[in-house]
mmCIF file of all heavy atoms, coordinates in Angstrom:
data_MODEL
# 
_entry.id   MODEL 
# 
loop_
_atom_site.group_PDB 
_atom_site.id 
_atom_site.type_symbol 
_atom_site.label_atom_id 
_atom_site.label_alt_id 
_atom_site.label_comp_id 
_atom_site.label_asym_id 
_atom_site.label_entity_id 
_atom_site.label_seq_id 
_atom_site.pdbx_PDB_ins_code 
_atom_site.Cartn_x 
_atom_site.Cartn_y 
_atom_site.Cartn_z 
_atom_site.occupancy 
_atom_site.B_iso_or_equiv 
_atom_site.pdbx_formal_charge 
_atom_site.auth_seq_id 
_atom_site.auth_comp_id 
_atom_site.auth_asym_id 
_atom_site.auth_atom_id 
_atom_site.pdbx_PDB_model_num 
ATOM 1   N N   . ASP A 1 1  ? 105.040 1.405   35.214 1.00 0.00 ? 1  ASP A N   1 
ATOM 2   C CA  . ASP A 1 1  ? 104.070 2.209   35.991 1.00 0.00 ? 1  ASP A CA  1 
ATOM 3   C C   . ASP A 1 1  ? 102.700 1.515   35.930 1.00 0.00 ? 1  ASP A C   1 
ATOM 4   O O   . ASP A 1 1  ? 102.274 1.060   34.878 1.00 0.00 ? 1  ASP A O   1 
ATOM 5   C CB  . ASP A 1 1  ? 103.949 3.633   35.385 1.00 0.00 ? 1  ASP A CB  1 
ATOM 6   C CG  . ASP A 1 1  ? 105.271 4.420   35.526 1.00 0.00 ? 1  ASP A CG  1 
ATOM 7   O OD1 . ASP A 1 1  ? 106.138 3.949   36.251 1.00 0.00 ? 1  ASP A OD1 1 
ATOM 8   O OD2 . ASP A 1 1  ? 105.377 5.467   34.905 1.00 0.00 ? 1  ASP A OD2 1 
ATOM 9   N N   . GLY A 1 2  ? 102.020 1.493   37.061 1.00 0.00 ? 2  GLY A N   1 
ATOM 10  C CA  . GLY A 1 2  ? 100.696 0.864   37.108 1.00 0.00 ? 2  GLY A CA  1 
ATOM 11  C C   . GLY A 1 2  ? 100.205 0.747   38.533 1.00 0.00 ? 2  GLY A C   1 
ATOM 12  O O   . GLY A 1 2  ? 100.604 1.494   39.431 1.00 0.00 ? 2  GLY A O   1 
ATOM 13  N N   . HIS A 1 3  ? 99.355  -0.238  38.760 1.00 0.00 ? 3  HIS A N   1 
ATOM 14  C CA  . HIS A 1 3  ? 98.805  -0.494  40.104 1.00 0.00 ? 3  HIS A CA  1 
ATOM 15  C C   . HIS A 1 3  ? 98.306  -1.938  40.165 1.00 0.00 ? 3  HIS A C   1 
ATOM 16  O O   . HIS A 1 3  ? 98.168  -2.608  39.146 1.00 0.00 ? 3  HIS A O   1 
ATOM 17  C CB  . HIS A 1 3  ? 97.709  0.479   40.454 1.00 0.00 ? 3  HIS A CB  1 
ATOM 18  C CG  . HIS A 1 3  ? 96.523  0.428   39.513 1.00 0.00 ? 3  HIS A CG  1 
ATOM 19  N ND1 . HIS A 1 3  ? 96.509  0.991   38.267 1.00 0.00 ? 3  HIS A ND1 1 
ATOM 20  C CD2 . HIS A 1 3  ? 95.314  -0.218  39.636 1.00 0.00 ? 3  HIS A CD2 1 
ATOM 21  C CE1 . HIS A 1 3  ? 95.371  0.775   37.644 1.00 0.00 ? 3  HIS A CE1 1 
ATOM 22  N NE2 . HIS A 1 3  ? 94.631  0.028   38.479 1.00 0.00 ? 3  HIS A NE2 1 
ATOM 23  N N   . ILE A 1 4  ? 98.108  -2.382  41.378 1.00 0.00 ? 4  ILE A N   1 
ATOM 24  C CA  . ILE A 1 4  ? 97.617  -3.759  41.619 1.00 0.00 ? 4  ILE A CA  1 
ATOM 25  C C   . ILE A 1 4  ? 96.150  -3.694  42.105 1.00 0.00 ? 4  ILE A C   1 
ATOM 26  O O   . ILE A 1 4  ? 95.853  -2.912  43.055 1.00 0.00 ? 4  ILE A O   1 
ATOM 27  C CB  . ILE A 1 4  ? 98.484  -4.512  42.606 1.00 0.00 ? 4  ILE A CB  1 
ATOM 28  C CG1 . ILE A 1 4  ? 99.885  -4.712  42.016 1.00 0.00 ? 4  ILE A CG1 1 
ATOM 29  C CG2 . ILE A 1 4  ? 97.893  -5.848  42.959 1.00 0.00 ? 4  ILE A CG2 1 
ATOM 30  C CD1 . ILE A 1 4  ? 100.856 -5.390  42.982 1.00 0.00 ? 4  ILE A CD1 1 
ATOM 31  N N   . ILE A 1 5  ? 95.287  -4.463  41.499 1.00 0.00 ? 5  ILE A N   1 
ATOM 32  C CA  . ILE A 1 5  ? 93.895  -4.559  41.909 1.00 0.00 ? 5  ILE A CA  1 
ATOM 33  C C   . ILE A 1 5  ? 93.705  -5.899  42.627 1.00 0.00 ? 5  ILE A C   1 
ATOM 34  O O   . ILE A 1 5  ? 94.328  -6.912  42.315 1.00 0.00 ? 5  ILE A O   1 
ATOM 35  C CB  . ILE A 1 5  ? 92.933  -4.488  40.727 1.00 0.00 ? 5  ILE A CB  1 
ATOM 36  C CG1 . ILE A 1 5  ? 93.238  -3.258  39.865 1.00 0.00 ? 5  ILE A CG1 1 
ATOM 37  C CG2 . ILE A 1 5  ? 91.504  -4.444  41.164 1.00 0.00 ? 5  ILE A CG2 1 
ATOM 38  C CD1 . ILE A 1 5  ? 92.388  -3.156  38.631 1.00 0.00 ? 5  ILE A CD1 1 
ATOM 39  N N   . ASN A 1 6  ? 92.801  -5.897  43.610 1.00 0.00 ? 6  ASN A N   1 
ATOM 40  C CA  . ASN A 1 6  ? 92.444  -7.088  44.332 1.00 0.00 ? 6  ASN A CA  1 
ATOM 41  C C   . ASN A 1 6  ? 93.687  -7.861  44.847 1.00 0.00 ? 6  ASN A C   1 
ATOM 42  O O   . ASN A 1 6  ? 93.909  -9.012  44.558 1.00 0.00 ? 6  ASN A O   1 
ATOM 43  C CB  . ASN A 1 6  ? 91.633  -8.046  43.389 1.00 0.00 ? 6  ASN A CB  1 
ATOM 44  C CG  . ASN A 1 6  ? 91.052  -9.210  44.143 1.00 0.00 ? 6  ASN A CG  1 
ATOM 45  O OD1 . ASN A 1 6  ? 90.768  -9.133  45.303 1.00 0.00 ? 6  ASN A OD1 1 
ATOM 46  N ND2 . ASN A 1 6  ? 90.849  -10.323 43.439 1.00 0.00 ? 6  ASN A ND2 1 
ATOM 47  N N   . LEU A 1 7  ? 94.456  -7.151  45.648 1.00 0.00 ? 7  LEU A N   1 
ATOM 48  C CA  . LEU A 1 7  ? 95.674  -7.748  46.210 1.00 0.00 ? 7  LEU A CA  1 
ATOM 49  C C   . LEU A 1 7  ? 95.328  -8.771  47.256 1.00 0.00 ? 7  LEU A C   1 
ATOM 50  O O   . LEU A 1 7  ? 94.690  -8.479  48.262 1.00 0.00 ? 7  LEU A O   1 
ATOM 51  C CB  . LEU A 1 7  ? 96.534  -6.604  46.819 1.00 0.00 ? 7  LEU A CB  1 
ATOM 52  C CG  . LEU A 1 7  ? 97.833  -7.015  47.460 1.00 0.00 ? 7  LEU A CG  1 
ATOM 53  C CD1 . LEU A 1 7  ? 98.771  -7.656  46.437 1.00 0.00 ? 7  LEU A CD1 1 
ATOM 54  C CD2 . LEU A 1 7  ? 98.514  -5.839  48.128 1.00 0.00 ? 7  LEU A CD2 1 
ATOM 55  N N   . GLN A 1 8  ? 95.743  -10.030 47.000 1.00 0.00 ? 8  GLN A N   1 
ATOM 56  C CA  . GLN A 1 8  ? 95.441  -11.121 47.929 1.00 0.00 ? 8  GLN A CA  1 
ATOM 57  C C   . GLN A 1 8  ? 96.678  -11.706 48.595 1.00 0.00 ? 8  GLN A C   1 
ATOM 58  O O   . GLN A 1 8  ? 96.546  -12.492 49.510 1.00 0.00 ? 8  GLN A O   1 
ATOM 59  C CB  . GLN A 1 8  ? 94.722  -12.243 47.152 1.00 0.00 ? 8  GLN A CB  1 
ATOM 60  C CG  . GLN A 1 8  ? 93.370  -11.840 46.564 1.00 0.00 ? 8  GLN A CG  1 
ATOM 61  C CD  . GLN A 1 8  ? 92.350  -11.522 47.669 1.00 0.00 ? 8  GLN A CD  1 
ATOM 62  O OE1 . GLN A 1 8  ? 92.347  -12.165 48.715 1.00 0.00 ? 8  GLN A OE1 1 
ATOM 63  N NE2 . GLN A 1 8  ? 91.518  -10.525 47.432 1.00 0.00 ? 8  GLN A NE2 1 
ATOM 64  N N   . ALA A 1 9  ? 97.855  -11.364 48.103 1.00 0.00 ? 9  ALA A N   1 
ATOM 65  C CA  . ALA A 1 9  ? 99.070  -11.893 48.664 1.00 0.00 ? 9  ALA A CA  1 
ATOM 66  C C   . ALA A 1 9  ? 99.279  -11.347 50.071 1.00 0.00 ? 9  ALA A C   1 
ATOM 67  O O   . ALA A 1 9  ? 99.079  -10.156 50.314 1.00 0.00 ? 9  ALA A O   1 
ATOM 68  C CB  . ALA A 1 9  ? 100.262 -11.531 47.778 1.00 0.00 ? 9  ALA A CB  1 
ATOM 69  N N   . ARG A 1 10 ? 99.672  -12.250 50.988 1.00 0.00 ? 10 ARG A N   1 
ATOM 70  C CA  . ARG A 1 10 ? 99.878  -11.850 52.396 1.00 0.00 ? 10 ARG A CA  1 
ATOM 71  C C   . ARG A 1 10 ? 101.160 -12.523 52.900 1.00 0.00 ? 10 ARG A C   1 
ATOM 72  O O   . ARG A 1 10 ? 101.564 -13.612 52.471 1.00 0.00 ? 10 ARG A O   1 
ATOM 73  C CB  . ARG A 1 10 ? 98.693  -12.310 53.239 1.00 0.00 ? 10 ARG A CB  1 
ATOM 74  C CG  . ARG A 1 10 ? 97.420  -11.590 52.991 1.00 0.00 ? 10 ARG A CG  1 
ATOM 75  C CD  . ARG A 1 10 ? 97.506  -10.132 53.450 1.00 0.00 ? 10 ARG A CD  1 
ATOM 76  N NE  . ARG A 1 10 ? 96.243  -9.396  53.270 1.00 0.00 ? 10 ARG A NE  1 
ATOM 77  C CZ  . ARG A 1 10 ? 95.918  -8.728  52.202 1.00 0.00 ? 10 ARG A CZ  1 
ATOM 78  N NH1 . ARG A 1 10 ? 96.744  -8.756  51.162 1.00 0.00 ? 10 ARG A NH1 1 
ATOM 79  N NH2 . ARG A 1 10 ? 94.790  -8.098  52.134 1.00 0.00 ? 10 ARG A NH2 1 
ATOM 80  N N   . PRO A 1 11 ? 101.880 -11.845 53.838 1.00 0.00 ? 11 PRO A N   1 
ATOM 81  C CA  . PRO A 1 11 ? 103.045 -12.464 54.440 1.00 0.00 ? 11 PRO A CA  1 
ATOM 82  C C   . PRO A 1 11 ? 102.713 -13.813 55.050 1.00 0.00 ? 11 PRO A C   1 
ATOM 83  O O   . PRO A 1 11 ? 101.682 -13.977 55.700 1.00 0.00 ? 11 PRO A O   1 
ATOM 84  C CB  . PRO A 1 11 ? 103.478 -11.475 55.485 1.00 0.00 ? 11 PRO A CB  1 
ATOM 85  C CG  . PRO A 1 11 ? 102.947 -10.120 55.025 1.00 0.00 ? 11 PRO A CG  1 
ATOM 86  C CD  . PRO A 1 11 ? 101.638 -10.476 54.356 1.00 0.00 ? 11 PRO A CD  1 
ATOM 87  N N   . GLY A 1 12 ? 103.579 -14.773 54.820 1.00 0.00 ? 12 GLY A N   1 
ATOM 88  C CA  . GLY A 1 12 ? 103.344 -16.134 55.300 1.00 0.00 ? 12 GLY A CA  1 
ATOM 89  C C   . GLY A 1 12 ? 102.987 -17.122 54.174 1.00 0.00 ? 12 GLY A C   1 
ATOM 90  O O   . GLY A 1 12 ? 103.154 -18.347 54.382 1.00 0.00 ? 12 GLY A O   1 
ATOM 91  N N   . MET A 1 13 ? 102.535 -16.615 53.054 1.00 0.00 ? 13 MET A N   1 
ATOM 92  C CA  . MET A 1 13 ? 102.259 -17.534 51.948 1.00 0.00 ? 13 MET A CA  1 
ATOM 93  C C   . MET A 1 13 ? 103.553 -17.966 51.301 1.00 0.00 ? 13 MET A C   1 
ATOM 94  O O   . MET A 1 13 ? 104.579 -17.285 51.448 1.00 0.00 ? 13 MET A O   1 
ATOM 95  C CB  . MET A 1 13 ? 101.313 -16.867 50.895 1.00 0.00 ? 13 MET A CB  1 
ATOM 96  C CG  . MET A 1 13 ? 101.964 -15.732 50.165 1.00 0.00 ? 13 MET A CG  1 
ATOM 97  S SD  . MET A 1 13 ? 100.862 -15.009 48.872 1.00 0.00 ? 13 MET A SD  1 
ATOM 98  C CE  . MET A 1 13 ? 100.803 -16.405 47.727 1.00 0.00 ? 13 MET A CE  1 
ATOM 99  N N   . VAL A 1 14 ? 103.502 -19.076 50.637 1.00 0.00 ? 14 VAL A N   1 
ATOM 100 C CA  . VAL A 1 14 ? 104.681 -19.673 49.981 1.00 0.00 ? 14 VAL A CA  1 
ATOM 101 C C   . VAL A 1 14 ? 104.506 -19.604 48.484 1.00 0.00 ? 14 VAL A C   1 
ATOM 102 O O   . VAL A 1 14 ? 103.486 -19.977 47.957 1.00 0.00 ? 14 VAL A O   1 
ATOM 103 C CB  . VAL A 1 14 ? 104.944 -21.124 50.462 1.00 0.00 ? 14 VAL A CB  1 
ATOM 104 C CG1 . VAL A 1 14 ? 106.080 -21.725 49.685 1.00 0.00 ? 14 VAL A CG1 1 
ATOM 105 C CG2 . VAL A 1 14 ? 105.183 -21.183 51.937 1.00 0.00 ? 14 VAL A CG2 1 
ATOM 106 N N   . ALA A 1 15 ? 105.526 -19.110 47.811 1.00 0.00 ? 15 ALA A N   1 
ATOM 107 C CA  . ALA A 1 15 ? 105.495 -19.022 46.353 1.00 0.00 ? 15 ALA A CA  1 
ATOM 108 C C   . ALA A 1 15 ? 106.842 -19.499 45.829 1.00 0.00 ? 15 ALA A C   1 
ATOM 109 O O   . ALA A 1 15 ? 107.828 -19.550 46.594 1.00 0.00 ? 15 ALA A O   1 
ATOM 110 C CB  . ALA A 1 15 ? 105.217 -17.584 45.905 1.00 0.00 ? 15 ALA A CB  1 
ATOM 111 N N   . GLY A 1 16 ? 106.895 -19.820 44.549 1.00 0.00 ? 16 GLY A N   1 
ATOM 112 C CA  . GLY A 1 16 ? 108.142 -20.227 43.970 1.00 0.00 ? 16 GLY A CA  1 
ATOM 113 C C   . GLY A 1 16 ? 107.990 -21.279 42.960 1.00 0.00 ? 16 GLY A C   1 
ATOM 114 O O   . GLY A 1 16 ? 106.989 -21.328 42.209 1.00 0.00 ? 16 GLY A O   1 
ATOM 115 N N   . ASP A 1 17 ? 108.908 -22.215 42.870 1.00 0.00 ? 17 ASP A N   1 
ATOM 116 C CA  . ASP A 1 17 ? 108.994 -23.162 41.761 1.00 0.00 ? 17 ASP A CA  1 
ATOM 117 C C   . ASP A 1 17 ? 107.794 -24.088 41.681 1.00 0.00 ? 17 ASP A C   1 
ATOM 118 O O   . ASP A 1 17 ? 107.336 -24.470 40.614 1.00 0.00 ? 17 ASP A O   1 
ATOM 119 C CB  . ASP A 1 17 ? 110.304 -23.982 41.940 1.00 0.00 ? 17 ASP A CB  1 
ATOM 120 C CG  . ASP A 1 17 ? 110.523 -24.903 40.729 1.00 0.00 ? 17 ASP A CG  1 
ATOM 121 O OD1 . ASP A 1 17 ? 110.406 -24.392 39.615 1.00 0.00 ? 17 ASP A OD1 1 
ATOM 122 O OD2 . ASP A 1 17 ? 110.811 -26.084 40.912 1.00 0.00 ? 17 ASP A OD2 1 
ATOM 123 N N   . TYR A 1 18 ? 107.209 -24.436 42.820 1.00 0.00 ? 18 TYR A N   1 
ATOM 124 C CA  . TYR A 1 18 ? 106.101 -25.431 42.843 1.00 0.00 ? 18 TYR A CA  1 
ATOM 125 C C   . TYR A 1 18 ? 104.713 -24.787 42.943 1.00 0.00 ? 18 TYR A C   1 
ATOM 126 O O   . TYR A 1 18 ? 103.734 -25.489 43.080 1.00 0.00 ? 18 TYR A O   1 
ATOM 127 C CB  . TYR A 1 18 ? 106.294 -26.440 43.940 1.00 0.00 ? 18 TYR A CB  1 
ATOM 128 C CG  . TYR A 1 18 ? 107.587 -27.190 43.806 1.00 0.00 ? 18 TYR A CG  1 
ATOM 129 C CD1 . TYR A 1 18 ? 108.683 -26.932 44.639 1.00 0.00 ? 18 TYR A CD1 1 
ATOM 130 C CD2 . TYR A 1 18 ? 107.746 -28.144 42.790 1.00 0.00 ? 18 TYR A CD2 1 
ATOM 131 C CE1 . TYR A 1 18 ? 109.851 -27.626 44.480 1.00 0.00 ? 18 TYR A CE1 1 
ATOM 132 C CE2 . TYR A 1 18 ? 108.944 -28.827 42.652 1.00 0.00 ? 18 TYR A CE2 1 
ATOM 133 C CZ  . TYR A 1 18 ? 109.999 -28.564 43.503 1.00 0.00 ? 18 TYR A CZ  1 
ATOM 134 O OH  . TYR A 1 18 ? 111.180 -29.245 43.351 1.00 0.00 ? 18 TYR A OH  1 
ATOM 135 N N   . ARG A 1 19 ? 104.671 -23.456 42.905 1.00 0.00 ? 19 ARG A N   1 
ATOM 136 C CA  . ARG A 1 19 ? 103.364 -22.762 42.988 1.00 0.00 ? 19 ARG A CA  1 
ATOM 137 C C   . ARG A 1 19 ? 102.906 -22.477 41.539 1.00 0.00 ? 19 ARG A C   1 
ATOM 138 O O   . ARG A 1 19 ? 103.648 -21.800 40.809 1.00 0.00 ? 19 ARG A O   1 
ATOM 139 C CB  . ARG A 1 19 ? 103.452 -21.510 43.796 1.00 0.00 ? 19 ARG A CB  1 
ATOM 140 C CG  . ARG A 1 19 ? 102.094 -20.784 43.879 1.00 0.00 ? 19 ARG A CG  1 
ATOM 141 C CD  . ARG A 1 19 ? 102.227 -19.468 44.655 1.00 0.00 ? 19 ARG A CD  1 
ATOM 142 N NE  . ARG A 1 19 ? 100.976 -18.711 44.590 1.00 0.00 ? 19 ARG A NE  1 
ATOM 143 C CZ  . ARG A 1 19 ? 99.992  -18.861 45.441 1.00 0.00 ? 19 ARG A CZ  1 
ATOM 144 N NH1 . ARG A 1 19 ? 100.068 -19.760 46.388 1.00 0.00 ? 19 ARG A NH1 1 
ATOM 145 N NH2 . ARG A 1 19 ? 98.876  -18.164 45.327 1.00 0.00 ? 19 ARG A NH2 1 
ATOM 146 N N   . ILE A 1 20 ? 101.736 -22.854 41.166 1.00 0.00 ? 20 ILE A N   1 
ATOM 147 C CA  . ILE A 1 20 ? 101.205 -22.643 39.823 1.00 0.00 ? 20 ILE A CA  1 
ATOM 148 C C   . ILE A 1 20 ? 100.423 -21.361 39.822 1.00 0.00 ? 20 ILE A C   1 
ATOM 149 O O   . ILE A 1 20 ? 99.529  -21.158 40.623 1.00 0.00 ? 20 ILE A O   1 
ATOM 150 C CB  . ILE A 1 20 ? 100.339 -23.823 39.383 1.00 0.00 ? 20 ILE A CB  1 
ATOM 151 C CG1 . ILE A 1 20 ? 101.151 -25.107 39.403 1.00 0.00 ? 20 ILE A CG1 1 
ATOM 152 C CG2 . ILE A 1 20 ? 99.777  -23.569 38.006 1.00 0.00 ? 20 ILE A CG2 1 
ATOM 153 C CD1 . ILE A 1 20 ? 100.352 -26.351 39.071 1.00 0.00 ? 20 ILE A CD1 1 
ATOM 154 N N   . GLY A 1 21 ? 100.766 -20.467 38.855 1.00 0.00 ? 21 GLY A N   1 
ATOM 155 C CA  . GLY A 1 21 ? 100.016 -19.236 38.720 1.00 0.00 ? 21 GLY A CA  1 
ATOM 156 C C   . GLY A 1 21 ? 100.707 -18.064 39.397 1.00 0.00 ? 21 GLY A C   1 
ATOM 157 O O   . GLY A 1 21 ? 101.703 -18.211 40.083 1.00 0.00 ? 21 GLY A O   1 
ATOM 158 N N   . ALA A 1 22 ? 100.152 -16.871 39.183 1.00 0.00 ? 22 ALA A N   1 
ATOM 159 C CA  . ALA A 1 22 ? 100.730 -15.648 39.698 1.00 0.00 ? 22 ALA A CA  1 
ATOM 160 C C   . ALA A 1 22 ? 100.201 -15.389 41.083 1.00 0.00 ? 22 ALA A C   1 
ATOM 161 O O   . ALA A 1 22 ? 99.145  -15.909 41.520 1.00 0.00 ? 22 ALA A O   1 
ATOM 162 C CB  . ALA A 1 22 ? 100.410 -14.484 38.738 1.00 0.00 ? 22 ALA A CB  1 
ATOM 163 N N   . ILE A 1 23 ? 100.863 -14.503 41.835 1.00 0.00 ? 23 ILE A N   1 
ATOM 164 C CA  . ILE A 1 23 ? 100.435 -14.121 43.142 1.00 0.00 ? 23 ILE A CA  1 
ATOM 165 C C   . ILE A 1 23 ? 99.633  -12.835 43.096 1.00 0.00 ? 23 ILE A C   1 
ATOM 166 O O   . ILE A 1 23 ? 98.970  -12.472 44.072 1.00 0.00 ? 23 ILE A O   1 
ATOM 167 C CB  . ILE A 1 23 ? 101.615 -13.957 44.117 1.00 0.00 ? 23 ILE A CB  1 
ATOM 168 C CG1 . ILE A 1 23 ? 102.555 -12.837 43.659 1.00 0.00 ? 23 ILE A CG1 1 
ATOM 169 C CG2 . ILE A 1 23 ? 102.353 -15.250 44.258 1.00 0.00 ? 23 ILE A CG2 1 
ATOM 170 C CD1 . ILE A 1 23 ? 103.607 -12.509 44.676 1.00 0.00 ? 23 ILE A CD1 1 
ATOM 171 N N   . ALA A 1 24 ? 99.683  -12.079 41.982 1.00 0.00 ? 24 ALA A N   1 
ATOM 172 C CA  . ALA A 1 24 ? 98.954  -10.841 41.827 1.00 0.00 ? 24 ALA A CA  1 
ATOM 173 C C   . ALA A 1 24 ? 98.921  -10.453 40.370 1.00 0.00 ? 24 ALA A C   1 
ATOM 174 O O   . ALA A 1 24 ? 99.731  -10.910 39.568 1.00 0.00 ? 24 ALA A O   1 
ATOM 175 C CB  . ALA A 1 24 ? 99.542  -9.732  42.680 1.00 0.00 ? 24 ALA A CB  1 
ATOM 176 N N   . THR A 1 25 ? 97.981  -9.598  39.996 1.00 0.00 ? 25 THR A N   1 
ATOM 177 C CA  . THR A 1 25 ? 97.845  -9.061  38.658 1.00 0.00 ? 25 THR A CA  1 
ATOM 178 C C   . THR A 1 25 ? 98.209  -7.596  38.699 1.00 0.00 ? 25 THR A C   1 
ATOM 179 O O   . THR A 1 25 ? 97.597  -6.817  39.407 1.00 0.00 ? 25 THR A O   1 
ATOM 180 C CB  . THR A 1 25 ? 96.412  -9.259  38.086 1.00 0.00 ? 25 THR A CB  1 
ATOM 181 O OG1 . THR A 1 25 ? 96.154  -10.641 38.030 1.00 0.00 ? 25 THR A OG1 1 
ATOM 182 C CG2 . THR A 1 25 ? 96.317  -8.672  36.709 1.00 0.00 ? 25 THR A CG2 1 
# 
């Protein structure tokens, strides 16, 4: 249970094995 602050992730971005860091907190 919780919530996300300062959501920056948007459809079209690429994430996965070669992306360093998280997409949201």
